[in-house]
């Protein structure tokens, strides 16, 4: 049976499951391709950007040097956050060390949130796709068995065909889930590696700026 025939003979539930799996698959691959491109650039740019910063003679020069390598603005927000607000607000109150700690922490968190975008989508697709496919399989088997029971003829050859066709939904669910789970794990590890580098740079930057102030 072709996919078009399977679709034409399917009821509302089968079609809903098929559309849901298709939507999950498309969304998953869009996120995978986007995150792969982003994280590959960021993983290469962050070490170059931090190295360029420390090779600069002055802080102003360092900003310009970092901008040449930081294509996705991963390190630059930390440098921009270190330009503390002037007086008149609670954000400017307190010791400089505490102000810098707060703004660097917030900037780092914003950057990590951007790098982690899409992880929830991958986790959701990996978790629910097998069950969505299983729902389609169970429902397809139920419909097939009900139809044969009404016809009064249940033989092995009559059962094998509809059951095999219904199992396609389970295979489709796994085809969506497996890439999503693999990508989730790989991207999660990559983001963690980038986070370690950024946290180290933020701490070194804090020590540098507070040391200059002292």
Protein backbone atom coordinates (compact mmCIF):
# COMPACT_ATOMS: atom_id res chain seq x y z
CA UNK A 1 0.00 0.00 0.00
CA UNK A 2 1.35 3.42 -0.94
CA UNK A 3 1.47 6.37 1.41
CA UNK A 4 -1.29 8.11 -0.55
CA UNK A 5 -3.55 5.06 -0.22
CA UNK A 6 -2.71 4.75 3.46
CA UNK A 7 -3.59 8.43 3.90
CA UNK A 8 -6.81 8.13 1.91
CA UNK A 9 -8.00 5.11 3.88
CA UNK A 10 -7.02 6.55 7.25
CA UNK A 11 -9.53 8.20 9.54
CA UNK A 12 -9.23 11.45 11.50
CA UNK A 13 -6.95 10.00 14.18
CA UNK A 14 -4.49 8.48 11.69
CA UNK A 15 -4.30 11.71 9.72
CA UNK A 16 -3.85 13.77 12.87
CA UNK A 17 -1.00 11.53 14.02
CA UNK A 18 0.64 11.72 10.60
CA UNK A 19 0.41 15.53 10.52
CA UNK A 20 1.72 15.77 14.10
CA UNK A 21 4.73 13.59 13.29
CA UNK A 22 5.42 15.57 10.13
CA UNK A 23 5.28 18.86 12.05
CA UNK A 24 7.58 17.49 14.75
CA UNK A 25 10.02 16.20 12.14
CA UNK A 26 10.17 19.50 10.23
CA UNK A 27 10.54 21.52 13.44
CA UNK A 28 13.25 19.19 14.72
CA UNK A 29 15.35 19.42 11.57
CA UNK A 30 14.98 23.19 11.37
CA UNK A 31 16.26 23.49 14.94
CA UNK A 32 19.05 20.96 14.32
CA UNK A 33 20.35 22.75 11.24
CA UNK A 34 20.12 26.20 12.86
CA UNK A 35 21.80 25.15 16.11
CA UNK A 36 24.51 23.19 14.31
CA UNK A 37 25.46 26.27 12.30
CA UNK A 38 25.29 28.61 15.31
CA UNK A 39 27.19 26.44 17.78
CA UNK A 40 29.87 25.57 15.25
CA UNK A 41 30.58 29.28 14.74
CA UNK A 42 30.39 30.13 18.44
CA UNK A 43 32.64 27.25 19.47
CA UNK A 44 35.28 28.51 17.06
CA UNK A 45 34.81 32.23 17.76
CA UNK A 46 34.81 32.25 21.57
CA UNK A 47 38.44 31.07 22.01
CA UNK A 48 39.59 33.46 19.28
CA UNK A 49 37.65 36.36 20.80
CA UNK A 50 38.99 35.81 24.31
CA UNK A 51 42.52 35.40 23.00
CA UNK A 52 42.18 38.63 21.03
CA UNK A 53 41.00 40.42 24.16
CA UNK A 54 44.01 39.44 26.23
CA UNK A 55 46.42 40.31 23.44
CA UNK A 56 45.17 43.90 23.30
CA UNK A 57 47.10 46.68 25.01
CA UNK A 58 44.08 48.71 26.19
CA UNK A 59 40.48 47.93 27.06
CA UNK A 60 39.15 50.06 24.20
CA UNK A 61 41.42 48.28 21.74
CA UNK A 62 40.30 44.96 23.13
CA UNK A 63 36.66 45.72 22.28
CA UNK A 64 37.56 46.41 18.67
CA UNK A 65 39.70 43.27 18.40
CA UNK A 66 36.97 41.06 19.88
CA UNK A 67 34.37 42.49 17.47
CA UNK A 68 36.43 41.15 14.56
CA UNK A 69 36.02 37.56 15.73
CA UNK A 70 32.74 37.53 17.67
CA UNK A 71 30.33 37.01 14.77
CA UNK A 72 27.37 36.01 16.98
CA UNK A 73 28.01 38.48 19.80
CA UNK A 74 28.82 35.91 22.44
CA UNK A 75 31.74 37.65 24.15
CA UNK A 76 30.96 41.29 23.34
CA UNK A 77 27.90 41.47 25.64
CA UNK A 78 30.18 40.70 28.58
CA UNK A 79 32.45 43.60 27.65
CA UNK A 80 29.51 45.93 27.11
CA UNK A 81 27.99 44.92 30.45
CA UNK A 82 31.18 45.97 32.22
CA UNK A 83 30.39 49.62 31.31
CA UNK A 84 28.47 50.23 34.50
CA UNK A 85 25.61 52.76 34.69
CA UNK A 86 26.24 56.07 36.30
CA UNK A 87 24.64 57.21 39.55
CA UNK A 88 20.98 57.82 40.17
CA UNK A 89 19.67 54.24 40.07
CA UNK A 90 19.79 51.21 42.32
CA UNK A 91 21.77 49.45 39.59
CA UNK A 92 24.60 51.89 40.25
CA UNK A 93 24.44 51.49 44.01
CA UNK A 94 26.88 49.40 45.99
CA UNK A 95 30.50 48.54 45.51
CA UNK A 96 31.94 48.22 42.02
CA UNK A 97 32.80 44.57 42.54
CA UNK A 98 29.18 43.72 43.33
CA UNK A 99 27.90 45.77 40.40
CA UNK A 100 30.24 44.03 37.99
CA UNK A 101 29.35 40.62 39.36
CA UNK A 102 25.66 41.29 38.82
CA UNK A 103 25.89 42.68 35.29
CA UNK A 104 28.34 40.03 34.11
CA UNK A 105 26.15 37.29 35.55
CA UNK A 106 23.05 38.68 33.83
CA UNK A 107 24.86 39.10 30.51
CA UNK A 108 26.26 35.58 30.68
CA UNK A 109 22.81 34.17 31.44
CA UNK A 110 21.27 35.99 28.48
CA UNK A 111 23.95 34.61 26.18
CA UNK A 112 23.47 31.06 27.44
CA UNK A 113 19.69 31.34 27.04
CA UNK A 114 20.22 32.25 23.40
CA UNK A 115 22.60 29.34 22.85
CA UNK A 116 20.20 26.92 24.54
CA UNK A 117 17.22 28.02 22.46
CA UNK A 118 15.64 25.04 20.72
CA UNK A 119 16.78 22.49 23.29
CA UNK A 120 13.24 22.30 24.69
CA UNK A 121 11.90 21.58 21.21
CA UNK A 122 14.39 18.77 20.70
CA UNK A 123 13.65 17.28 24.11
CA UNK A 124 9.91 17.44 23.51
CA UNK A 125 10.15 15.84 20.06
CA UNK A 126 12.41 13.10 21.37
CA UNK A 127 10.10 12.36 24.28
CA UNK A 128 6.66 12.37 22.67
CA UNK A 129 7.27 11.25 19.07
CA UNK A 130 7.46 7.49 19.86
CA UNK A 131 4.22 7.69 21.81
CA UNK A 132 2.49 9.66 19.05
CA UNK A 133 3.58 7.03 16.55
CA UNK A 134 2.47 4.26 18.91
CA UNK A 135 -0.94 5.89 19.18
CA UNK A 136 -1.27 5.76 15.39
CA UNK A 137 -0.20 2.11 15.38
CA UNK A 138 -2.64 1.06 18.09
CA UNK A 139 -5.47 2.94 16.45
CA UNK A 140 -4.66 1.48 13.03
CA UNK A 141 -4.58 -2.06 14.41
CA UNK A 142 -7.85 -1.46 16.23
CA UNK A 143 -9.53 -0.25 13.05
CA UNK A 144 -8.14 -3.15 11.03
CA UNK A 145 -9.26 -5.77 13.53
CA UNK A 146 -12.68 -4.16 13.86
CA UNK A 147 -13.15 -4.18 10.10
CA UNK A 148 -12.17 -7.83 9.78
CA UNK A 149 -14.40 -8.81 12.71
CA UNK A 150 -17.36 -7.17 11.02
CA UNK A 151 -16.54 -8.99 7.79
CA UNK A 152 -16.37 -12.27 9.70
CA UNK A 153 -13.07 -13.32 8.15
CA UNK A 154 -9.93 -13.22 10.31
CA UNK A 155 -6.96 -15.04 8.84
CA UNK A 156 -3.23 -14.58 9.21
CA UNK A 157 -2.76 -13.07 5.77
CA UNK A 158 -5.60 -10.64 6.35
CA UNK A 159 -4.14 -9.58 9.71
CA UNK A 160 -0.52 -9.26 8.60
CA UNK A 161 -1.17 -6.57 5.99
CA UNK A 162 -3.09 -4.04 8.11
CA UNK A 163 -0.86 -4.61 11.16
CA UNK A 164 2.28 -4.07 9.09
CA UNK A 165 0.83 -0.88 7.67
CA UNK A 166 -0.10 0.36 11.14
CA UNK A 167 3.43 -0.31 12.41
CA UNK A 168 4.68 2.30 9.95
CA UNK A 169 3.41 4.94 12.39
CA UNK A 170 5.66 3.57 15.14
CA UNK A 171 8.62 3.60 12.77
CA UNK A 172 7.80 7.19 11.82
CA UNK A 173 7.71 8.17 15.50
CA UNK A 174 11.14 6.64 16.06
CA UNK A 175 12.47 8.32 12.92
CA UNK A 176 11.55 11.67 14.49
CA UNK A 177 12.68 10.85 18.03
CA UNK A 178 16.15 9.41 17.35
CA UNK A 179 17.65 12.48 15.59
CA UNK A 180 16.03 14.76 18.16
CA UNK A 181 17.54 12.89 21.12
CA UNK A 182 20.98 12.63 19.52
CA UNK A 183 20.99 16.33 18.63
CA UNK A 184 19.80 17.27 22.12
CA UNK A 185 22.69 15.42 23.74
CA UNK A 186 25.33 16.70 21.31
CA UNK A 187 24.18 20.32 21.47
CA UNK A 188 23.82 20.19 25.24
CA UNK A 189 27.42 19.07 25.58
CA UNK A 190 28.60 21.77 23.18
CA UNK A 191 26.74 24.52 25.05
CA UNK A 192 28.22 23.26 28.33
CA UNK A 193 31.73 23.48 26.89
CA UNK A 194 31.10 27.03 25.68
CA UNK A 195 29.61 27.94 29.05
CA UNK A 196 32.77 26.86 30.85
CA UNK A 197 34.90 29.09 28.63
CA UNK A 198 32.56 32.08 29.01
CA UNK A 199 32.34 31.69 32.78
CA UNK A 200 36.12 31.59 33.02
CA UNK A 201 36.44 34.68 30.85
CA UNK A 202 33.78 36.52 32.88
CA UNK A 203 35.63 35.73 36.10
CA UNK A 204 38.95 36.85 34.65
CA UNK A 205 37.30 40.03 33.35
CA UNK A 206 35.84 40.71 36.79
CA UNK A 207 39.24 40.26 38.41
CA UNK A 208 40.83 42.56 35.82
CA UNK A 209 38.30 45.37 36.21
CA UNK A 210 38.14 45.27 40.00
CA UNK A 211 41.93 45.13 40.13
CA UNK A 212 42.16 48.21 37.91
CA UNK A 213 39.71 50.00 40.17
CA UNK A 214 41.74 49.15 43.26
